[in-house]
């Protein structure tokens, strides 16, 4: 068997495997959240989100809305250097995002069953 035949068999089997995987995983909401940032954001998104009084005041003053906060909590990036992830009993994370060309930083306390948005900073 020549090298060209081996490569052909390999590519044929590999492509059939991809087709089988696409068939079985089609329509399923499969996610690969293995990185630390993705795990924390997924953990926060599965919990009930509660707003601090200062955040509720910012929402009522229309300086920010709850959909923007939800978008940042889902798609933001965590600044671990500004976070206190090992704080007991609940870690505090700084989640950064943008909206309408403004940089927004949310300070979120991540407890066992509740995620509390403590502070909003707009830059």
N, C-alpha and C. Protein backbone atom coordinates (compact mmCIF):
# COMPACT_ATOMS: atom_id res chain seq x y z
N UNK A 1 0.86 -1.17 0.00
CA UNK A 1 0.00 0.00 0.00
C UNK A 1 0.90 1.23 0.00
N UNK A 2 0.63 2.11 -0.91
CA UNK A 2 1.46 3.29 -1.04
C UNK A 2 1.00 4.37 -0.05
N UNK A 3 1.83 5.35 0.07
CA UNK A 3 1.52 6.47 0.97
C UNK A 3 0.27 7.22 0.52
N UNK A 4 0.09 7.37 -0.77
CA UNK A 4 -1.07 8.06 -1.30
C UNK A 4 -2.36 7.30 -0.97
N UNK A 5 -2.34 6.00 -1.02
CA UNK A 5 -3.51 5.20 -0.65
C UNK A 5 -3.81 5.33 0.83
N UNK A 6 -2.79 5.33 1.67
CA UNK A 6 -2.98 5.49 3.11
C UNK A 6 -3.62 6.83 3.45
N UNK A 7 -3.12 7.87 2.81
CA UNK A 7 -3.68 9.20 3.03
C UNK A 7 -5.13 9.25 2.56
N UNK A 8 -5.41 8.61 1.44
CA UNK A 8 -6.78 8.56 0.93
C UNK A 8 -7.72 7.83 1.88
N UNK A 9 -7.30 6.69 2.42
CA UNK A 9 -8.13 5.97 3.40
C UNK A 9 -8.33 6.78 4.68
N UNK A 10 -7.26 7.44 5.12
CA UNK A 10 -7.36 8.26 6.32
C UNK A 10 -8.36 9.40 6.12
N UNK A 11 -8.24 10.12 5.02
CA UNK A 11 -9.14 11.24 4.77
C UNK A 11 -10.58 10.77 4.56
N UNK A 12 -10.76 9.62 3.93
CA UNK A 12 -12.10 9.07 3.77
C UNK A 12 -12.74 8.73 5.11
N UNK A 13 -12.01 8.07 5.98
CA UNK A 13 -12.53 7.73 7.31
C UNK A 13 -12.76 8.95 8.16
N UNK A 14 -11.86 9.90 8.06
CA UNK A 14 -12.00 11.14 8.84
C UNK A 14 -13.24 11.91 8.41
N UNK A 15 -13.47 12.00 7.09
CA UNK A 15 -14.64 12.74 6.62
C UNK A 15 -15.93 12.01 6.99
N UNK A 16 -15.94 10.67 6.96
CA UNK A 16 -17.15 9.94 7.39
C UNK A 16 -17.40 10.15 8.88
N UNK A 17 -16.36 10.22 9.67
CA UNK A 17 -16.52 10.49 11.10
C UNK A 17 -17.09 11.87 11.36
N UNK A 18 -16.63 12.86 10.60
CA UNK A 18 -17.18 14.21 10.75
C UNK A 18 -18.65 14.26 10.37
N UNK A 19 -19.03 13.53 9.34
CA UNK A 19 -20.44 13.49 8.93
C UNK A 19 -21.29 12.84 10.01
N UNK A 20 -20.80 11.74 10.59
CA UNK A 20 -21.54 11.08 11.67
C UNK A 20 -21.69 12.01 12.88
N UNK A 21 -20.61 12.70 13.26
CA UNK A 21 -20.69 13.63 14.38
C UNK A 21 -21.65 14.77 14.08
N UNK A 22 -21.62 15.30 12.87
CA UNK A 22 -22.54 16.38 12.52
C UNK A 22 -23.98 15.90 12.57
N UNK A 23 -24.22 14.65 12.19
CA UNK A 23 -25.57 14.10 12.21
C UNK A 23 -26.07 13.95 13.64
N UNK A 24 -25.23 13.43 14.55
CA UNK A 24 -25.67 13.20 15.92
C UNK A 24 -25.73 14.48 16.75
N UNK A 25 -24.86 15.43 16.47
CA UNK A 25 -24.82 16.66 17.27
C UNK A 25 -25.61 17.79 16.65
N UNK A 26 -26.28 17.55 15.53
CA UNK A 26 -27.05 18.59 14.87
C UNK A 26 -28.26 18.97 15.72
N UNK A 27 -28.41 20.25 16.00
CA UNK A 27 -29.55 20.73 16.77
C UNK A 27 -29.35 20.69 18.27
N UNK A 28 -28.32 20.08 18.74
CA UNK A 28 -28.08 20.03 20.17
C UNK A 28 -27.26 21.26 20.57
N UNK A 29 -27.53 21.76 21.73
CA UNK A 29 -26.81 22.94 22.22
C UNK A 29 -25.62 22.46 23.03
N UNK A 30 -24.57 22.09 22.33
CA UNK A 30 -23.36 21.58 22.94
C UNK A 30 -22.38 22.73 23.09
N UNK A 31 -21.80 22.85 24.26
CA UNK A 31 -20.82 23.90 24.48
C UNK A 31 -19.57 23.31 25.11
N UNK A 32 -18.46 23.92 24.81
CA UNK A 32 -17.18 23.49 25.37
C UNK A 32 -16.65 24.63 26.23
N UNK A 33 -17.05 24.65 27.46
CA UNK A 33 -16.61 25.72 28.36
C UNK A 33 -15.55 25.17 29.31
N UNK A 34 -14.35 24.99 28.76
CA UNK A 34 -13.27 24.41 29.55
C UNK A 34 -12.34 25.46 30.12
N UNK A 35 -12.29 26.63 29.53
CA UNK A 35 -11.42 27.67 30.04
C UNK A 35 -11.99 28.29 31.30
N UNK A 36 -11.14 28.90 32.13
CA UNK A 36 -11.63 29.47 33.38
C UNK A 36 -12.64 30.60 33.17
N UNK A 37 -12.43 31.43 32.15
CA UNK A 37 -13.34 32.53 31.89
C UNK A 37 -14.71 32.01 31.46
N UNK A 38 -14.72 31.04 30.58
CA UNK A 38 -15.99 30.48 30.10
C UNK A 38 -16.74 29.75 31.21
N UNK A 39 -16.02 29.07 32.08
CA UNK A 39 -16.68 28.37 33.18
C UNK A 39 -17.35 29.33 34.14
N UNK A 40 -16.68 30.42 34.47
CA UNK A 40 -17.25 31.40 35.40
C UNK A 40 -18.47 32.08 34.77
N UNK A 41 -18.37 32.47 33.50
CA UNK A 41 -19.51 33.12 32.84
C UNK A 41 -20.70 32.17 32.73
N UNK A 42 -20.44 30.91 32.44
CA UNK A 42 -21.53 29.93 32.36
C UNK A 42 -22.15 29.71 33.73
N UNK A 43 -21.31 29.67 34.77
CA UNK A 43 -21.81 29.49 36.13
C UNK A 43 -22.69 30.67 36.55
N UNK A 44 -22.28 31.87 36.22
CA UNK A 44 -23.07 33.06 36.56
C UNK A 44 -24.38 33.07 35.78
N UNK A 45 -24.34 32.67 34.51
CA UNK A 45 -25.55 32.73 33.69
C UNK A 45 -26.60 31.70 34.11
N UNK A 46 -26.21 30.66 34.83
CA UNK A 46 -27.19 29.66 35.27
C UNK A 46 -27.87 30.05 36.58
N UNK A 47 -27.40 31.09 37.24
CA UNK A 47 -27.94 31.50 38.54
C UNK A 47 -28.89 32.68 38.39
N UNK A 48 -29.65 32.90 39.44
CA UNK A 48 -30.52 34.07 39.50
C UNK A 48 -29.63 35.30 39.71
N UNK A 49 -29.85 36.33 38.89
CA UNK A 49 -29.05 37.55 38.98
C UNK A 49 -29.84 38.59 39.75
N UNK A 50 -29.21 39.13 40.78
CA UNK A 50 -29.82 40.15 41.65
C UNK A 50 -28.98 41.41 41.54
N UNK A 51 -29.63 42.56 41.54
CA UNK A 51 -28.94 43.84 41.44
C UNK A 51 -28.84 44.52 42.79
N UNK A 52 -27.72 45.15 43.06
CA UNK A 52 -27.50 45.96 44.25
C UNK A 52 -28.31 47.25 44.11
N UNK A 53 -28.49 47.98 45.21
CA UNK A 53 -29.27 49.21 45.18
C UNK A 53 -28.69 50.23 44.22
N UNK A 54 -27.36 50.34 44.17
CA UNK A 54 -26.72 51.31 43.27
C UNK A 54 -26.96 50.93 41.81
N UNK A 55 -26.98 49.66 41.52
CA UNK A 55 -27.22 49.20 40.15
C UNK A 55 -28.68 49.42 39.77
N UNK A 56 -29.59 49.15 40.70
CA UNK A 56 -31.01 49.40 40.43
C UNK A 56 -31.26 50.89 40.19
N UNK A 57 -30.54 51.74 40.90
CA UNK A 57 -30.68 53.19 40.70
C UNK A 57 -30.16 53.58 39.32
N UNK A 58 -29.06 52.97 38.88
CA UNK A 58 -28.53 53.26 37.55
C UNK A 58 -29.50 52.79 36.46
N UNK A 59 -30.18 51.68 36.70
CA UNK A 59 -31.17 51.20 35.74
C UNK A 59 -32.37 52.14 35.70
N UNK A 60 -32.81 52.60 36.87
CA UNK A 60 -33.97 53.51 36.90
C UNK A 60 -33.63 54.88 36.32
N UNK A 61 -32.37 55.30 36.39
CA UNK A 61 -31.95 56.58 35.81
C UNK A 61 -31.66 56.46 34.31
N UNK A 62 -31.84 55.28 33.75
CA UNK A 62 -31.64 55.01 32.32
C UNK A 62 -30.21 55.21 31.87
N UNK A 63 -29.25 55.10 32.77
CA UNK A 63 -27.86 55.16 32.34
C UNK A 63 -27.41 53.81 31.80
N UNK A 64 -28.11 52.74 32.17
CA UNK A 64 -27.86 51.40 31.65
C UNK A 64 -29.15 50.60 31.80
N UNK A 65 -29.33 49.60 30.96
CA UNK A 65 -30.53 48.78 31.09
C UNK A 65 -30.15 47.33 31.40
N UNK A 66 -31.15 46.57 31.80
CA UNK A 66 -30.90 45.20 32.25
C UNK A 66 -30.49 44.28 31.10
N UNK A 67 -30.90 44.59 29.87
CA UNK A 67 -30.48 43.75 28.75
C UNK A 67 -28.99 43.92 28.45
N UNK A 68 -28.48 45.13 28.65
CA UNK A 68 -27.05 45.36 28.48
C UNK A 68 -26.27 44.60 29.54
N UNK A 69 -26.77 44.60 30.76
CA UNK A 69 -26.11 43.86 31.84
C UNK A 69 -26.13 42.37 31.53
N UNK A 70 -27.26 41.86 31.05
CA UNK A 70 -27.34 40.44 30.71
C UNK A 70 -26.41 40.08 29.56
N UNK A 71 -26.28 40.98 28.59
CA UNK A 71 -25.38 40.74 27.47
C UNK A 71 -23.93 40.69 27.94
N UNK A 72 -23.55 41.60 28.82
CA UNK A 72 -22.18 41.61 29.33
C UNK A 72 -21.92 40.37 30.19
N UNK A 73 -22.90 39.95 30.97
CA UNK A 73 -22.73 38.75 31.78
C UNK A 73 -22.59 37.50 30.91
N UNK A 74 -23.19 37.51 29.73
CA UNK A 74 -23.12 36.34 28.85
C UNK A 74 -21.88 36.37 27.96
N UNK A 75 -21.48 37.54 27.48
CA UNK A 75 -20.43 37.63 26.47
C UNK A 75 -19.21 38.43 26.90
N UNK A 76 -19.17 38.90 28.13
CA UNK A 76 -18.06 39.74 28.57
C UNK A 76 -16.78 38.96 28.79
N UNK A 77 -15.76 39.67 29.14
CA UNK A 77 -14.49 39.04 29.48
C UNK A 77 -14.15 39.37 30.92
N UNK A 78 -13.61 38.40 31.61
CA UNK A 78 -13.31 38.56 33.04
C UNK A 78 -11.89 39.03 33.21
N UNK A 79 -11.71 40.05 34.00
CA UNK A 79 -10.38 40.53 34.36
C UNK A 79 -10.01 39.89 35.69
N UNK A 80 -9.25 38.80 35.61
CA UNK A 80 -8.90 38.07 36.82
C UNK A 80 -7.93 38.87 37.69
N UNK A 81 -7.19 39.80 37.10
CA UNK A 81 -6.27 40.61 37.91
C UNK A 81 -7.04 41.59 38.80
N UNK A 82 -8.23 42.00 38.37
CA UNK A 82 -9.05 42.90 39.17
C UNK A 82 -10.09 42.16 40.00
N UNK A 83 -10.14 40.84 39.90
CA UNK A 83 -11.14 40.04 40.60
C UNK A 83 -10.57 39.46 41.89
N UNK A 84 -11.48 39.06 42.75
CA UNK A 84 -11.12 38.38 44.00
C UNK A 84 -11.81 37.01 43.98
N UNK A 85 -11.31 36.13 43.13
CA UNK A 85 -11.97 34.85 42.88
C UNK A 85 -11.94 33.92 44.08
N UNK A 86 -10.94 34.01 44.91
CA UNK A 86 -10.80 33.10 46.05
C UNK A 86 -11.41 33.63 47.34
N UNK A 87 -12.10 34.75 47.27
CA UNK A 87 -12.69 35.35 48.46
C UNK A 87 -13.79 34.44 49.01
N UNK A 88 -13.81 34.25 50.30
CA UNK A 88 -14.81 33.41 50.96
C UNK A 88 -15.91 34.27 51.53
N UNK A 89 -17.13 33.93 51.51
CA UNK A 89 -17.76 32.73 50.97
C UNK A 89 -18.09 32.84 49.49
N UNK A 90 -18.04 34.06 48.91
CA UNK A 90 -18.41 34.25 47.51
C UNK A 90 -17.31 35.03 46.80
N UNK A 91 -16.93 34.56 45.63
CA UNK A 91 -15.93 35.25 44.84
C UNK A 91 -16.51 36.48 44.16
N UNK A 92 -15.67 37.48 43.97
CA UNK A 92 -16.09 38.71 43.30
C UNK A 92 -15.29 38.82 42.00
N UNK A 93 -16.01 38.99 40.88
CA UNK A 93 -15.39 39.02 39.57
C UNK A 93 -15.66 40.35 38.89
N UNK A 94 -14.66 40.86 38.17
CA UNK A 94 -14.78 42.07 37.36
C UNK A 94 -14.99 41.62 35.91
N UNK A 95 -16.18 41.87 35.38
CA UNK A 95 -16.53 41.44 34.03
C UNK A 95 -16.62 42.69 33.15
N UNK A 96 -15.83 42.70 32.08
CA UNK A 96 -15.74 43.85 31.20
C UNK A 96 -16.49 43.59 29.90
N UNK A 97 -17.14 44.62 29.39
CA UNK A 97 -17.85 44.54 28.12
C UNK A 97 -18.02 45.92 27.53
N UNK A 98 -18.54 45.98 26.32
CA UNK A 98 -18.76 47.26 25.65
C UNK A 98 -20.21 47.38 25.21
N UNK A 99 -20.69 48.62 25.18
CA UNK A 99 -22.02 48.93 24.68
C UNK A 99 -22.00 50.37 24.19
N UNK A 100 -22.39 50.57 22.94
CA UNK A 100 -22.43 51.91 22.34
C UNK A 100 -21.11 52.65 22.53
N UNK A 101 -20.02 51.98 22.23
CA UNK A 101 -18.67 52.54 22.30
C UNK A 101 -18.24 52.94 23.71
N UNK A 102 -18.94 52.43 24.74
CA UNK A 102 -18.56 52.69 26.13
C UNK A 102 -18.07 51.38 26.74
N UNK A 103 -16.97 51.46 27.46
CA UNK A 103 -16.48 50.29 28.18
C UNK A 103 -17.20 50.23 29.53
N UNK A 104 -17.76 49.08 29.83
CA UNK A 104 -18.52 48.89 31.05
C UNK A 104 -17.87 47.76 31.84
N UNK A 105 -17.68 47.99 33.14
CA UNK A 105 -17.12 46.97 34.02
C UNK A 105 -18.16 46.67 35.10
N UNK A 106 -18.55 45.41 35.19
CA UNK A 106 -19.49 44.97 36.22
C UNK A 106 -18.72 44.26 37.31
N UNK A 107 -19.03 44.56 38.54
CA UNK A 107 -18.49 43.84 39.67
C UNK A 107 -19.57 42.89 40.16
N UNK A 108 -19.32 41.56 40.04
CA UNK A 108 -20.32 40.56 40.31
C UNK A 108 -19.85 39.64 41.43
N UNK A 109 -20.70 39.48 42.44
CA UNK A 109 -20.43 38.55 43.54
C UNK A 109 -21.11 37.23 43.20
N UNK A 110 -20.31 36.17 43.03
CA UNK A 110 -20.81 34.87 42.59
C UNK A 110 -20.90 33.93 43.78
N UNK A 111 -22.12 33.76 44.31
CA UNK A 111 -22.36 32.84 45.43
C UNK A 111 -22.89 31.51 44.90
N UNK A 112 -23.29 30.63 45.82
CA UNK A 112 -23.73 29.30 45.43
C UNK A 112 -24.99 29.31 44.58
N UNK A 113 -25.98 30.11 44.96
CA UNK A 113 -27.25 30.08 44.23
C UNK A 113 -27.64 31.42 43.62
N UNK A 114 -26.94 32.48 43.96
CA UNK A 114 -27.29 33.83 43.50
C UNK A 114 -26.03 34.56 43.03
N UNK A 115 -26.16 35.29 41.93
CA UNK A 115 -25.10 36.18 41.45
C UNK A 115 -25.60 37.61 41.64
N UNK A 116 -24.87 38.40 42.41
CA UNK A 116 -25.26 39.77 42.70
C UNK A 116 -24.37 40.75 41.98
N UNK A 117 -24.96 41.65 41.18
CA UNK A 117 -24.22 42.70 40.51
C UNK A 117 -24.05 43.83 41.52
N UNK A 118 -22.82 44.03 41.97
CA UNK A 118 -22.55 44.98 43.05
C UNK A 118 -22.35 46.41 42.55
N UNK A 119 -21.66 46.56 41.42
CA UNK A 119 -21.26 47.89 40.99
C UNK A 119 -21.12 47.92 39.47
N UNK A 120 -21.39 49.08 38.89
CA UNK A 120 -21.19 49.29 37.46
C UNK A 120 -20.29 50.50 37.28
N UNK A 121 -19.24 50.32 36.47
CA UNK A 121 -18.33 51.41 36.16
C UNK A 121 -18.31 51.60 34.66
N UNK A 122 -18.57 52.82 34.20
CA UNK A 122 -18.55 53.14 32.77
C UNK A 122 -17.36 54.00 32.48
N UNK A 123 -16.61 53.62 31.46
CA UNK A 123 -15.40 54.36 31.09
C UNK A 123 -15.56 54.98 29.73
